[in-house]
């Protein structure tokens, strides 16, 4: 379960980075290199779609992060502490 969640977390992380890089900033950015996207997403452009996609991927990133924290907390929970060994009484000096 832990390995599967790490895989999904890495996948979501990469998708989040790519989605943020493709968004069109004020001056063009990587979206202008990749062809913009106005013709694909209609007259309004890709801005509303990309904003929703970014929000969805960000929520998935937070959910996988919290899942990893909860699972790792359960995995590293220490077992019961060992009981202290009672001190053995030492024999007193002979001849007192």
PDB file of N, CA and C in Angstrom:
ATOM      1  N   UNK A   1       0.830  -1.193   0.000  1.00  0.00           N
ATOM      2  CA  UNK A   1       0.000   0.000   0.000  1.00  0.00           C
ATOM      3  C   UNK A   1       0.869   1.250   0.000  1.00  0.00           C
ATOM      4  N   UNK A   2       1.923   1.221   0.786  1.00  0.00           N
ATOM      5  CA  UNK A   2       2.799   2.383   0.897  1.00  0.00           C
ATOM      6  C   UNK A   2       3.496   2.656  -0.431  1.00  0.00           C
ATOM      7  N   UNK A   3       3.967   1.606  -1.092  1.00  0.00           N
ATOM      8  CA  UNK A   3       4.648   1.761  -2.372  1.00  0.00           C
ATOM      9  C   UNK A   3       3.713   2.284  -3.458  1.00  0.00           C
ATOM     10  N   UNK A   4       2.474   1.820  -3.458  1.00  0.00           N
ATOM     11  CA  UNK A   4       1.493   2.288  -4.438  1.00  0.00           C
ATOM     12  C   UNK A   4       1.200   3.761  -4.225  1.00  0.00           C
ATOM     13  N   UNK A   5       1.072   4.165  -2.973  1.00  0.00           N
ATOM     14  CA  UNK A   5       0.792   5.568  -2.670  1.00  0.00           C
ATOM     15  C   UNK A   5       1.981   6.457  -3.042  1.00  0.00           C
ATOM     16  N   UNK A   6       3.185   5.984  -2.839  1.00  0.00           N
ATOM     17  CA  UNK A   6       4.363   6.754  -3.256  1.00  0.00           C
ATOM     18  C   UNK A   6       4.390   6.906  -4.773  1.00  0.00           C
ATOM     19  N   UNK A   7       4.043   5.831  -5.497  1.00  0.00           N
ATOM     20  CA  UNK A   7       3.993   5.901  -6.957  1.00  0.00           C
ATOM     21  C   UNK A   7       2.987   6.967  -7.401  1.00  0.00           C
ATOM     22  N   UNK A   8       1.776   6.946  -6.841  1.00  0.00           N
ATOM     23  CA  UNK A   8       0.766   7.932  -7.215  1.00  0.00           C
ATOM     24  C   UNK A   8       1.196   9.343  -6.823  1.00  0.00           C
ATOM     25  N   UNK A   9       1.861   9.482  -5.688  1.00  0.00           N
ATOM     26  CA  UNK A   9       2.325  10.792  -5.253  1.00  0.00           C
ATOM     27  C   UNK A   9       3.368  11.348  -6.229  1.00  0.00           C
ATOM     28  N   UNK A  10       4.292  10.514  -6.665  1.00  0.00           N
ATOM     29  CA  UNK A  10       5.286  10.958  -7.645  1.00  0.00           C
ATOM     30  C   UNK A  10       4.628  11.308  -8.975  1.00  0.00           C
ATOM     31  N   UNK A  11       3.659  10.515  -9.391  1.00  0.00           N
ATOM     32  CA  UNK A  11       2.951  10.782 -10.635  1.00  0.00           C
ATOM     33  C   UNK A  11       2.193  12.107 -10.556  1.00  0.00           C
ATOM     34  N   UNK A  12       1.493  12.332  -9.461  1.00  0.00           N
ATOM     35  CA  UNK A  12       0.746  13.576  -9.270  1.00  0.00           C
ATOM     36  C   UNK A  12       1.712  14.761  -9.201  1.00  0.00           C
ATOM     37  N   UNK A  13       2.863  14.575  -8.576  1.00  0.00           N
ATOM     38  CA  UNK A  13       3.854  15.652  -8.495  1.00  0.00           C
ATOM     39  C   UNK A  13       4.337  16.058  -9.876  1.00  0.00           C
ATOM     40  N   UNK A  14       4.647  15.066 -10.714  1.00  0.00           N
ATOM     41  CA  UNK A  14       5.101  15.375 -12.070  1.00  0.00           C
ATOM     42  C   UNK A  14       4.007  16.054 -12.892  1.00  0.00           C
ATOM     43  N   UNK A  15       2.776  15.588 -12.761  1.00  0.00           N
ATOM     44  CA  UNK A  15       1.669  16.206 -13.490  1.00  0.00           C
ATOM     45  C   UNK A  15       1.457  17.641 -13.020  1.00  0.00           C
ATOM     46  N   UNK A  16       1.568  17.875 -11.727  1.00  0.00           N
ATOM     47  CA  UNK A  16       1.400  19.225 -11.198  1.00  0.00           C
ATOM     48  C   UNK A  16       2.468  20.170 -11.747  1.00  0.00           C
ATOM     49  N   UNK A  17       3.704  19.711 -11.799  1.00  0.00           N
ATOM     50  CA  UNK A  17       4.781  20.543 -12.344  1.00  0.00           C
ATOM     51  C   UNK A  17       4.502  20.856 -13.813  1.00  0.00           C
ATOM     52  N   UNK A  18       4.105  19.852 -14.582  1.00  0.00           N
ATOM     53  CA  UNK A  18       3.831  20.068 -16.000  1.00  0.00           C
ATOM     54  C   UNK A  18       2.651  21.008 -16.221  1.00  0.00           C
ATOM     55  N   UNK A  19       1.597  20.851 -15.435  1.00  0.00           N
ATOM     56  CA  UNK A  19       0.422  21.713 -15.584  1.00  0.00           C
ATOM     57  C   UNK A  19       0.778  23.157 -15.269  1.00  0.00           C
ATOM     58  N   UNK A  20       1.579  23.370 -14.254  1.00  0.00           N
ATOM     59  CA  UNK A  20       1.963  24.737 -13.897  1.00  0.00           C
ATOM     60  C   UNK A  20       2.860  25.339 -14.975  1.00  0.00           C
ATOM     61  N   UNK A  21       3.759  24.535 -15.544  1.00  0.00           N
ATOM     62  CA  UNK A  21       4.642  25.053 -16.590  1.00  0.00           C
ATOM     63  C   UNK A  21       3.904  25.372 -17.890  1.00  0.00           C
ATOM     64  N   UNK A  22       2.833  24.648 -18.180  1.00  0.00           N
ATOM     65  CA  UNK A  22       2.108  24.864 -19.431  1.00  0.00           C
ATOM     66  C   UNK A  22       1.173  26.066 -19.346  1.00  0.00           C
ATOM     67  N   UNK A  23       0.790  26.479 -18.152  1.00  0.00           N
ATOM     68  CA  UNK A  23      -0.118  27.617 -18.023  1.00  0.00           C
ATOM     69  C   UNK A  23       0.502  28.859 -18.646  1.00  0.00           C
ATOM     70  N   UNK A  24      -0.353  29.686 -19.201  1.00  0.00           N
ATOM     71  CA  UNK A  24       0.119  30.873 -19.895  1.00  0.00           C
ATOM     72  C   UNK A  24       0.203  32.057 -18.930  1.00  0.00           C
ATOM     73  N   UNK A  25       1.417  32.501 -18.644  1.00  0.00           N
ATOM     74  CA  UNK A  25       1.543  33.690 -17.799  1.00  0.00           C
ATOM     75  C   UNK A  25       1.285  34.957 -18.617  1.00  0.00           C
ATOM     76  N   UNK A  26       1.530  36.096 -18.043  1.00  0.00           N
ATOM     77  CA  UNK A  26       1.281  37.383 -18.706  1.00  0.00           C
ATOM     78  C   UNK A  26       2.082  37.529 -19.993  1.00  0.00           C
ATOM     79  N   UNK A  27       3.291  37.041 -20.056  1.00  0.00           N
ATOM     80  CA  UNK A  27       4.183  37.273 -21.194  1.00  0.00           C
ATOM     81  C   UNK A  27       4.280  36.090 -22.151  1.00  0.00           C
ATOM     82  N   UNK A  28       3.499  35.046 -21.988  1.00  0.00           N
ATOM     83  CA  UNK A  28       3.532  33.935 -22.936  1.00  0.00           C
ATOM     84  C   UNK A  28       3.950  32.634 -22.289  1.00  0.00           C
ATOM     85  N   UNK A  29       5.201  32.497 -21.857  1.00  0.00           N
ATOM     86  CA  UNK A  29       5.686  31.310 -21.161  1.00  0.00           C
ATOM     87  C   UNK A  29       5.769  30.087 -22.049  1.00  0.00           C
ATOM     88  N   UNK A  30       5.751  28.922 -21.437  1.00  0.00           N
ATOM     89  CA  UNK A  30       5.886  27.662 -22.164  1.00  0.00           C
ATOM     90  C   UNK A  30       4.659  27.373 -23.018  1.00  0.00           C
ATOM     91  N   UNK A  31       3.509  27.922 -22.669  1.00  0.00           N
ATOM     92  CA  UNK A  31       2.302  27.669 -23.449  1.00  0.00           C
ATOM     93  C   UNK A  31       2.458  28.207 -24.858  1.00  0.00           C
ATOM     94  N   UNK A  32       3.155  29.317 -25.024  1.00  0.00           N
ATOM     95  CA  UNK A  32       3.350  29.859 -26.369  1.00  0.00           C
ATOM     96  C   UNK A  32       4.292  28.971 -27.178  1.00  0.00           C
ATOM     97  N   UNK A  33       5.227  28.316 -26.521  1.00  0.00           N
ATOM     98  CA  UNK A  33       6.130  27.405 -27.218  1.00  0.00           C
ATOM     99  C   UNK A  33       5.371  26.174 -27.688  1.00  0.00           C
ATOM    100  N   UNK A  34       4.457  25.692 -26.865  1.00  0.00           N
ATOM    101  CA  UNK A  34       3.709  24.478 -27.182  1.00  0.00           C
ATOM    102  C   UNK A  34       2.492  24.750 -28.060  1.00  0.00           C
ATOM    103  N   UNK A  35       2.287  25.969 -28.484  1.00  0.00           N
ATOM    104  CA  UNK A  35       1.192  26.258 -29.403  1.00  0.00           C
ATOM    105  C   UNK A  35       0.000  26.922 -28.757  1.00  0.00           C
ATOM    106  N   UNK A  36       0.101  27.391 -27.544  1.00  0.00           N
ATOM    107  CA  UNK A  36      -0.992  28.122 -26.909  1.00  0.00           C
ATOM    108  C   UNK A  36      -2.088  27.208 -26.437  1.00  0.00           C
ATOM    109  N   UNK A  37      -3.089  26.989 -27.245  1.00  0.00           N
ATOM    110  CA  UNK A  37      -4.192  26.132 -26.842  1.00  0.00           C
ATOM    111  C   UNK A  37      -5.533  26.805 -27.015  1.00  0.00           C
ATOM    112  N   UNK A  38      -5.562  28.027 -27.573  1.00  0.00           N
ATOM    113  CA  UNK A  38      -6.829  28.716 -27.748  1.00  0.00           C
ATOM    114  C   UNK A  38      -7.722  27.992 -28.739  1.00  0.00           C
ATOM    115  N   UNK A  39      -7.142  27.406 -29.774  1.00  0.00           N
ATOM    116  CA  UNK A  39      -7.961  26.725 -30.779  1.00  0.00           C
ATOM    117  C   UNK A  39      -8.493  25.393 -30.252  1.00  0.00           C
ATOM    118  N   UNK A  40      -7.782  24.770 -29.353  1.00  0.00           N
ATOM    119  CA  UNK A  40      -8.210  23.479 -28.817  1.00  0.00           C
ATOM    120  C   UNK A  40      -9.341  23.655 -27.817  1.00  0.00           C
ATOM    121  N   UNK A  41      -9.251  24.661 -26.955  1.00  0.00           N
ATOM    122  CA  UNK A  41     -10.197  24.819 -25.855  1.00  0.00           C
ATOM    123  C   UNK A  41     -11.309  25.810 -26.166  1.00  0.00           C
ATOM    124  N   UNK A  42     -11.410  26.291 -27.407  1.00  0.00           N
ATOM    125  CA  UNK A  42     -12.480  27.202 -27.777  1.00  0.00           C
ATOM    126  C   UNK A  42     -12.049  28.651 -27.676  1.00  0.00           C
ATOM    127  N   UNK A  43     -13.038  29.550 -27.802  1.00  0.00           N
ATOM    128  CA  UNK A  43     -12.756  30.983 -27.826  1.00  0.00           C
ATOM    129  C   UNK A  43     -12.250  31.528 -26.506  1.00  0.00           C
ATOM    130  N   UNK A  44     -12.637  30.935 -25.402  1.00  0.00           N
ATOM    131  CA  UNK A  44     -12.221  31.438 -24.090  1.00  0.00           C
ATOM    132  C   UNK A  44     -10.796  31.078 -23.753  1.00  0.00           C
ATOM    133  N   UNK A  45     -10.204  30.239 -24.558  1.00  0.00           N
ATOM    134  CA  UNK A  45      -8.835  29.827 -24.281  1.00  0.00           C
ATOM    135  C   UNK A  45      -8.792  28.709 -23.260  1.00  0.00           C
ATOM    136  N   UNK A  46      -7.569  28.415 -22.835  1.00  0.00           N
ATOM    137  CA  UNK A  46      -7.362  27.299 -21.917  1.00  0.00           C
ATOM    138  C   UNK A  46      -7.334  27.730 -20.462  1.00  0.00           C
ATOM    139  N   UNK A  47      -7.438  29.014 -20.196  1.00  0.00           N
ATOM    140  CA  UNK A  47      -7.273  29.503 -18.820  1.00  0.00           C
ATOM    141  C   UNK A  47      -8.257  28.885 -17.828  1.00  0.00           C
ATOM    142  N   UNK A  48      -9.563  28.875 -18.098  1.00  0.00           N
ATOM    143  CA  UNK A  48     -10.479  28.271 -17.112  1.00  0.00           C
ATOM    144  C   UNK A  48     -10.233  26.769 -16.923  1.00  0.00           C
ATOM    145  N   UNK A  49      -9.985  26.061 -18.032  1.00  0.00           N
ATOM    146  CA  UNK A  49      -9.729  24.633 -17.936  1.00  0.00           C
ATOM    147  C   UNK A  49      -8.447  24.366 -17.161  1.00  0.00           C
ATOM    148  N   UNK A  50      -7.400  25.106 -17.449  1.00  0.00           N
ATOM    149  CA  UNK A  50      -6.111  24.903 -16.788  1.00  0.00           C
ATOM    150  C   UNK A  50      -6.200  25.248 -15.298  1.00  0.00           C
ATOM    151  N   UNK A  51      -6.982  26.253 -14.961  1.00  0.00           N
ATOM    152  CA  UNK A  51      -7.147  26.605 -13.549  1.00  0.00           C
ATOM    153  C   UNK A  51      -7.839  25.466 -12.791  1.00  0.00           C
ATOM    154  N   UNK A  52      -8.857  24.884 -13.400  1.00  0.00           N
ATOM    155  CA  UNK A  52      -9.559  23.763 -12.761  1.00  0.00           C
ATOM    156  C   UNK A  52      -8.658  22.534 -12.680  1.00  0.00           C
ATOM    157  N   UNK A  53      -7.896  22.289 -13.738  1.00  0.00           N
ATOM    158  CA  UNK A  53      -6.985  21.156 -13.738  1.00  0.00           C
ATOM    159  C   UNK A  53      -5.906  21.324 -12.666  1.00  0.00           C
ATOM    160  N   UNK A  54      -5.375  22.531 -12.550  1.00  0.00           N
ATOM    161  CA  UNK A  54      -4.356  22.801 -11.530  1.00  0.00           C
ATOM    162  C   UNK A  54      -4.925  22.597 -10.131  1.00  0.00           C
ATOM    163  N   UNK A  55      -6.142  23.084  -9.900  1.00  0.00           N
ATOM    164  CA  UNK A  55      -6.765  22.921  -8.582  1.00  0.00           C
ATOM    165  C   UNK A  55      -6.998  21.443  -8.273  1.00  0.00           C
ATOM    166  N   UNK A  56      -7.450  20.678  -9.247  1.00  0.00           N
ATOM    167  CA  UNK A  56      -7.690  19.259  -9.031  1.00  0.00           C
ATOM    168  C   UNK A  56      -6.420  18.485  -8.741  1.00  0.00           C
ATOM    169  N   UNK A  57      -5.367  18.788  -9.486  1.00  0.00           N
ATOM    170  CA  UNK A  57      -4.095  18.095  -9.265  1.00  0.00           C
ATOM    171  C   UNK A  57      -3.490  18.515  -7.924  1.00  0.00           C
ATOM    172  N   UNK A  58      -3.670  19.783  -7.542  1.00  0.00           N
ATOM    173  CA  UNK A  58      -3.163  20.239  -6.242  1.00  0.00           C
ATOM    174  C   UNK A  58      -3.883  19.538  -5.094  1.00  0.00           C
ATOM    175  N   UNK A  59      -5.186  19.340  -5.233  1.00  0.00           N
ATOM    176  CA  UNK A  59      -5.946  18.616  -4.204  1.00  0.00           C
ATOM    177  C   UNK A  59      -5.462  17.165  -4.129  1.00  0.00           C
ATOM    178  N   UNK A  60      -5.219  16.550  -5.283  1.00  0.00           N
ATOM    179  CA  UNK A  60      -4.702  15.177  -5.286  1.00  0.00           C
ATOM    180  C   UNK A  60      -3.334  15.106  -4.627  1.00  0.00           C
ATOM    181  N   UNK A  61      -2.509  16.130  -4.846  1.00  0.00           N
ATOM    182  CA  UNK A  61      -1.184  16.178  -4.215  1.00  0.00           C
ATOM    183  C   UNK A  61      -1.310  16.253  -2.692  1.00  0.00           C
ATOM    184  N   UNK A  62      -2.214  17.084  -2.206  1.00  0.00           N
ATOM    185  CA  UNK A  62      -2.409  17.211  -0.751  1.00  0.00           C
ATOM    186  C   UNK A  62      -2.947  15.911  -0.166  1.00  0.00           C
ATOM    187  N   UNK A  63      -3.884  15.280  -0.855  1.00  0.00           N
ATOM    188  CA  UNK A  63      -4.474  14.027  -0.351  1.00  0.00           C
ATOM    189  C   UNK A  63      -3.413  12.929  -0.282  1.00  0.00           C
ATOM    190  N   UNK A  64      -2.593  12.802  -1.335  1.00  0.00           N
ATOM    191  CA  UNK A  64      -1.553  11.771  -1.294  1.00  0.00           C
ATOM    192  C   UNK A  64      -0.502  12.090  -0.240  1.00  0.00           C
ATOM    193  N   UNK A  65      -0.212  13.370  -0.035  1.00  0.00           N
ATOM    194  CA  UNK A  65       0.742  13.748   1.013  1.00  0.00           C
ATOM    195  C   UNK A  65       0.225  13.361   2.392  1.00  0.00           C
ATOM    196  N   UNK A  66      -1.028  13.662   2.653  1.00  0.00           N
ATOM    197  CA  UNK A  66      -1.615  13.301   3.952  1.00  0.00           C
ATOM    198  C   UNK A  66      -1.685  11.787   4.126  1.00  0.00           C
ATOM    199  N   UNK A  67      -2.000  11.088   3.056  1.00  0.00           N
ATOM    200  CA  UNK A  67      -2.023   9.624   3.125  1.00  0.00           C
ATOM    201  C   UNK A  67      -0.656   9.056   3.458  1.00  0.00           C
ATOM    202  N   UNK A  68       0.388   9.606   2.838  1.00  0.00           N
ATOM    203  CA  UNK A  68       1.746   9.140   3.136  1.00  0.00           C
ATOM    204  C   UNK A  68       2.130   9.428   4.583  1.00  0.00           C
ATOM    205  N   UNK A  69       1.726  10.577   5.090  1.00  0.00           N
ATOM    206  CA  UNK A  69       2.034  10.913   6.483  1.00  0.00           C
ATOM    207  C   UNK A  69       1.339   9.950   7.434  1.00  0.00           C
ATOM    208  N   UNK A  70       0.073   9.682   7.177  1.00  0.00           N
ATOM    209  CA  UNK A  70      -0.675   8.778   8.066  1.00  0.00           C
ATOM    210  C   UNK A  70      -0.120   7.358   8.020  1.00  0.00           C
ATOM    211  N   UNK A  71       0.196   6.872   6.833  1.00  0.00           N
ATOM    212  CA  UNK A  71       0.724   5.517   6.720  1.00  0.00           C
ATOM    213  C   UNK A  71       2.111   5.414   7.345  1.00  0.00           C
ATOM    214  N   UNK A  72       2.949   6.414   7.112  1.00  0.00           N
ATOM    215  CA  UNK A  72       4.293   6.346   7.688  1.00  0.00           C
ATOM    216  C   UNK A  72       4.258   6.487   9.206  1.00  0.00           C
ATOM    217  N   UNK A  73       3.280   7.211   9.737  1.00  0.00           N
ATOM    218  CA  UNK A  73       3.150   7.309  11.193  1.00  0.00           C
ATOM    219  C   UNK A  73       2.778   5.957  11.789  1.00  0.00           C
ATOM    220  N   UNK A  74       1.951   5.203  11.092  1.00  0.00           N
ATOM    221  CA  UNK A  74       1.581   3.870  11.584  1.00  0.00           C
ATOM    222  C   UNK A  74       2.740   2.894  11.457  1.00  0.00           C
ATOM    223  N   UNK A  75       3.534   3.056  10.397  1.00  0.00           N
ATOM    224  CA  UNK A  75       4.652   2.135  10.180  1.00  0.00           C
ATOM    225  C   UNK A  75       5.774   2.346  11.183  1.00  0.00           C
ATOM    226  N   UNK A  76       5.961   3.576  11.640  1.00  0.00           N
ATOM    227  CA  UNK A  76       7.077   3.859  12.543  1.00  0.00           C
ATOM    228  C   UNK A  76       6.665   3.930  13.999  1.00  0.00           C
ATOM    229  N   UNK A  77       5.412   3.594  14.288  1.00  0.00           N
ATOM    230  CA  UNK A  77       4.964   3.611  15.677  1.00  0.00           C
ATOM    231  C   UNK A  77       5.756   2.570  16.450  1.00  0.00           C
ATOM    232  N   UNK A  78       6.416   2.971  17.533  1.00  0.00           N
ATOM    233  CA  UNK A  78       7.232   2.004  18.269  1.00  0.00           C
ATOM    234  C   UNK A  78       6.359   0.950  18.955  1.00  0.00           C
ATOM    235  N   UNK A  79       6.912  -0.227  19.053  1.00  0.00           N
ATOM    236  CA  UNK A  79       6.225  -1.293  19.781  1.00  0.00           C
ATOM    237  C   UNK A  79       6.223  -0.930  21.262  1.00  0.00           C
ATOM    238  N   UNK A  80       5.583  -1.751  22.050  1.00  0.00           N
ATOM    239  CA  UNK A  80       5.539  -1.456  23.481  1.00  0.00           C
ATOM    240  C   UNK A  80       6.951  -1.364  24.027  1.00  0.00           C
ATOM    241  N   UNK A  81       7.142  -0.399  24.876  1.00  0.00           N
ATOM    242  CA  UNK A  81       8.455  -0.218  25.487  1.00  0.00           C
ATOM    243  C   UNK A  81       8.760  -1.413  26.389  1.00  0.00           C
ATOM    244  N   UNK A  82       9.992  -1.855  26.368  1.00  0.00           N
ATOM    245  CA  UNK A  82      10.338  -2.989  27.233  1.00  0.00           C
ATOM    246  C   UNK A  82      10.207  -2.592  28.697  1.00  0.00           C
ATOM    247  N   UNK A  83       9.755  -3.563  29.480  1.00  0.00           N
ATOM    248  CA  UNK A  83       9.619  -3.294  30.922  1.00  0.00           C
ATOM    249  C   UNK A  83      11.003  -3.227  31.553  1.00  0.00           C
ATOM    250  N   UNK A  84      11.179  -2.301  32.476  1.00  0.00           N
ATOM    251  CA  UNK A  84      12.486  -2.218  33.131  1.00  0.00           C
ATOM    252  C   UNK A  84      12.742  -3.460  33.993  1.00  0.00           C
ATOM    253  N   UNK A  85      13.952  -3.893  33.961  1.00  0.00           N
ATOM    254  CA  UNK A  85      14.349  -5.054  34.755  1.00  0.00           C
ATOM    255  C   UNK A  85      14.549  -4.581  36.191  1.00  0.00           C
ATOM    256  N   UNK A  86      13.899  -5.255  37.179  1.00  0.00           N
ATOM    257  CA  UNK A  86      14.076  -4.798  38.553  1.00  0.00           C
ATOM    258  C   UNK A  86      15.528  -5.019  39.013  1.00  0.00           C
ATOM    259  N   UNK A  87      16.006  -4.070  39.757  1.00  0.00           N
ATOM    260  CA  UNK A  87      17.384  -4.172  40.262  1.00  0.00           C
ATOM    261  C   UNK A  87      17.469  -5.338  41.238  1.00  0.00           C
ATOM    262  N   UNK A  88      18.498  -6.139  41.065  1.00  0.00           N
ATOM    263  CA  UNK A  88      18.669  -7.283  41.953  1.00  0.00           C
ATOM    264  C   UNK A  88      19.380  -6.794  43.214  1.00  0.00           C
ATOM    265  N   UNK A  89      18.932  -7.359  44.318  1.00  0.00           N
ATOM    266  CA  UNK A  89      19.579  -6.967  45.575  1.00  0.00           C
ATOM    267  C   UNK A  89      20.950  -7.607  45.650  1.00  0.00           C
ATOM    268  N   UNK A  90      21.930  -6.818  45.990  1.00  0.00           N
ATOM    269  CA  UNK A  90      23.288  -7.325  46.113  1.00  0.00           C
ATOM    270  C   UNK A  90      23.508  -7.800  47.544  1.00  0.00           C
ATOM    271  N   UNK A  91      24.245  -8.873  47.701  1.00  0.00           N
ATOM    272  CA  UNK A  91      24.482  -9.352  49.074  1.00  0.00           C
ATOM    273  C   UNK A  91      25.314  -8.333  49.834  1.00  0.00           C
ATOM    274  N   UNK A  92      24.958  -8.165  51.077  1.00  0.00           N
ATOM    275  CA  UNK A  92      25.691  -7.230  51.932  1.00  0.00           C
ATOM    276  C   UNK A  92      27.044  -7.790  52.334  1.00  0.00           C
ATOM    277  N   UNK A  93      27.866  -6.946  52.897  1.00  0.00           N
ATOM    278  CA  UNK A  93      29.191  -7.413  53.337  1.00  0.00           C
ATOM    279  C   UNK A  93      29.041  -8.455  54.456  1.00  0.00           C
ATOM    280  N   UNK A  94      29.868  -9.445  54.425  1.00  0.00           N
ATOM    281  CA  UNK A  94      29.835 -10.510  55.417  1.00  0.00           C
ATOM    282  C   UNK A  94      30.696 -10.072  56.598  1.00  0.00           C
ATOM    283  N   UNK A  95      30.231 -10.335  57.740  1.00  0.00           N
ATOM    284  CA  UNK A  95      31.026 -10.068  58.925  1.00  0.00           C
ATOM    285  C   UNK A  95      30.642  -8.788  59.641  1.00  0.00           C
ATOM    286  N   UNK A  96      29.613  -8.197  59.336  1.00  0.00           N
ATOM    287  CA  UNK A  96      29.223  -7.009  60.078  1.00  0.00           C
ATOM    288  C   UNK A  96      28.483  -7.334  61.300  1.00  0.00           C
TER     289      UNK A  96
END
